[in-house]
Structure formats: structure tokens, C-alpha cells
């Protein structure tokens, strides 16, 4: 997959994410000490920054996104509701796309 294809896929997934409602049953929920609202906010913030910066993410946000990507992998199997699982799987996929693309020069 080329860089432009990855950017296009990320933009499409981002639009889907923005159109999705946050899973109400996960508000105020933690898995393994990971607050689900903050997991969403941190991941989404990094993805949004990456998209707005044309595929560039500063080292601090890249570290945050990497940590949140790992958190997503740990908590997704614990989400029982299909809508919540889908919501966080999309975030996981977005984080993977961003992390797999080298920073724009």
C-alpha cells in the first residue's frame, strides 16, 4: 500500500469515526486501569493531528499513539457489546495506519 493510499484509508476511517456515536455503555468504564473515554480522546487527537499535518506526527504524539495502540490491543477483547468493539477496532486500525506510515518530510 502506498503512502497516499494509507492517507486516503485513514481519512475515510476518520470520517467514519467522527460520524459514530461514542458507545454509551463504555462511558466511565475502565479495563485494566485504562479509561475508555481517555483512550478514545488520546488516540483520536493523535490521528486528527496526523491528518491535519499531512501525515506528520511529532515524536511526543507518536509515543502517545504507540502506547494507546498497545492499550487498544489489550482492551478490545474485553469489550462485549458489538458496537463498542467495532468503535474501538476502528480506532485501533486508525492508529495502526498512522504508525505504519513514516513521518512526512
Protein backbone atom coordinates (compact mmCIF):
# COMPACT_ATOMS: atom_id res chain seq x y z
CA UNK A 1 0.00 0.00 0.00
CA UNK A 2 1.37 3.39 -0.96
CA UNK A 3 1.57 6.36 1.37
CA UNK A 4 -1.27 8.12 -0.48
CA UNK A 5 -3.46 5.01 -0.17
CA UNK A 6 -2.74 4.87 3.56
CA UNK A 7 -3.61 8.56 3.93
CA UNK A 8 -6.82 8.03 1.95
CA UNK A 9 -7.79 4.99 4.04
CA UNK A 10 -7.05 6.87 7.26
CA UNK A 11 -9.14 9.85 6.13
CA UNK A 12 -12.07 7.54 5.28
CA UNK A 13 -11.85 5.75 8.65
CA UNK A 14 -11.57 9.10 10.41
CA UNK A 15 -14.79 10.31 8.77
CA UNK A 16 -16.49 7.09 9.90
CA UNK A 17 -15.18 7.64 13.41
CA UNK A 18 -16.46 11.21 13.53
CA UNK A 19 -19.89 10.03 12.40
CA UNK A 20 -20.06 7.28 15.04
CA UNK A 21 -21.57 7.85 18.45
CA UNK A 22 -19.38 7.06 21.43
CA UNK A 23 -20.61 3.77 22.96
CA UNK A 24 -22.67 4.99 25.90
CA UNK A 25 -22.16 1.75 27.82
CA UNK A 26 -18.39 2.42 27.88
CA UNK A 27 -18.60 5.92 29.36
CA UNK A 28 -16.92 5.83 32.77
CA UNK A 29 -15.63 2.28 32.18
CA UNK A 30 -12.05 1.15 32.71
CA UNK A 31 -10.36 -2.06 31.63
CA UNK A 32 -7.03 -2.81 33.26
CA UNK A 33 -6.95 0.76 34.56
CA UNK A 34 -7.46 2.20 31.07
CA UNK A 35 -10.27 4.76 30.91
CA UNK A 36 -12.19 4.18 27.69
CA UNK A 37 -13.10 7.84 27.15
CA UNK A 38 -9.46 8.91 27.51
CA UNK A 39 -8.32 6.07 25.26
CA UNK A 40 -10.66 7.38 22.58
CA UNK A 41 -9.68 11.02 23.11
CA UNK A 42 -5.91 10.41 23.12
CA UNK A 43 -5.99 8.18 20.05
CA UNK A 44 -8.36 10.44 18.14
CA UNK A 45 -6.30 13.52 18.99
CA UNK A 46 -3.14 11.97 17.58
CA UNK A 47 -4.90 10.74 14.44
CA UNK A 48 -6.52 14.13 13.86
CA UNK A 49 -3.17 15.90 14.29
CA UNK A 50 -1.51 13.48 11.86
CA UNK A 51 -4.20 14.05 9.23
CA UNK A 52 -4.14 17.84 9.69
CA UNK A 53 -0.33 17.86 9.40
CA UNK A 54 -0.28 15.97 6.10
CA UNK A 55 0.99 12.74 7.60
CA UNK A 56 3.42 14.13 10.16
CA UNK A 57 3.31 13.49 13.88
CA UNK A 58 5.76 14.90 16.40
CA UNK A 59 7.76 12.39 18.48
CA UNK A 60 5.73 13.00 21.66
CA UNK A 61 2.41 12.29 19.96
CA UNK A 62 3.90 9.30 18.15
CA UNK A 63 4.90 7.84 21.55
CA UNK A 64 1.42 8.54 22.93
CA UNK A 65 -0.19 6.92 19.91
CA UNK A 66 2.07 3.87 20.19
CA UNK A 67 1.13 3.44 23.85
CA UNK A 68 -2.58 3.88 23.09
CA UNK A 69 -2.30 1.40 20.18
CA UNK A 70 -0.97 -1.16 22.65
CA UNK A 71 -3.74 -0.28 25.12
CA UNK A 72 -6.35 -0.77 22.40
CA UNK A 73 -5.00 -4.23 21.64
CA UNK A 74 -5.36 -5.15 25.33
CA UNK A 75 -8.86 -3.80 25.92
CA UNK A 76 -10.70 -4.63 22.69
CA UNK A 77 -11.06 -8.34 23.59
CA UNK A 78 -12.75 -7.25 26.85
CA UNK A 79 -15.48 -5.20 25.14
CA UNK A 80 -18.60 -7.34 24.96
CA UNK A 81 -21.00 -5.09 23.02
CA UNK A 82 -20.54 -5.34 19.23
CA UNK A 83 -20.98 -1.59 18.73
CA UNK A 84 -18.30 -0.77 21.29
CA UNK A 85 -15.96 -3.38 19.91
CA UNK A 86 -16.41 -2.00 16.38
CA UNK A 87 -15.84 1.57 17.61
CA UNK A 88 -12.53 0.69 19.25
CA UNK A 89 -11.43 -1.65 16.45
CA UNK A 90 -11.75 1.28 14.06
CA UNK A 91 -9.58 3.39 16.40
CA UNK A 92 -7.05 0.55 16.54
CA UNK A 93 -6.99 0.37 12.74
CA UNK A 94 -6.52 4.15 12.52
CA UNK A 95 -3.63 4.04 14.97
CA UNK A 96 -2.03 1.21 13.00
CA UNK A 97 -2.30 3.16 9.75
CA UNK A 98 -0.74 6.25 11.29
CA UNK A 99 2.06 4.34 12.98
CA UNK A 100 2.89 2.38 9.84
CA UNK A 101 3.45 5.49 7.73
CA UNK A 102 6.83 7.19 8.13
CA UNK A 103 6.54 10.87 9.04
CA UNK A 104 6.19 13.25 6.12
CA UNK A 105 9.28 15.30 5.48
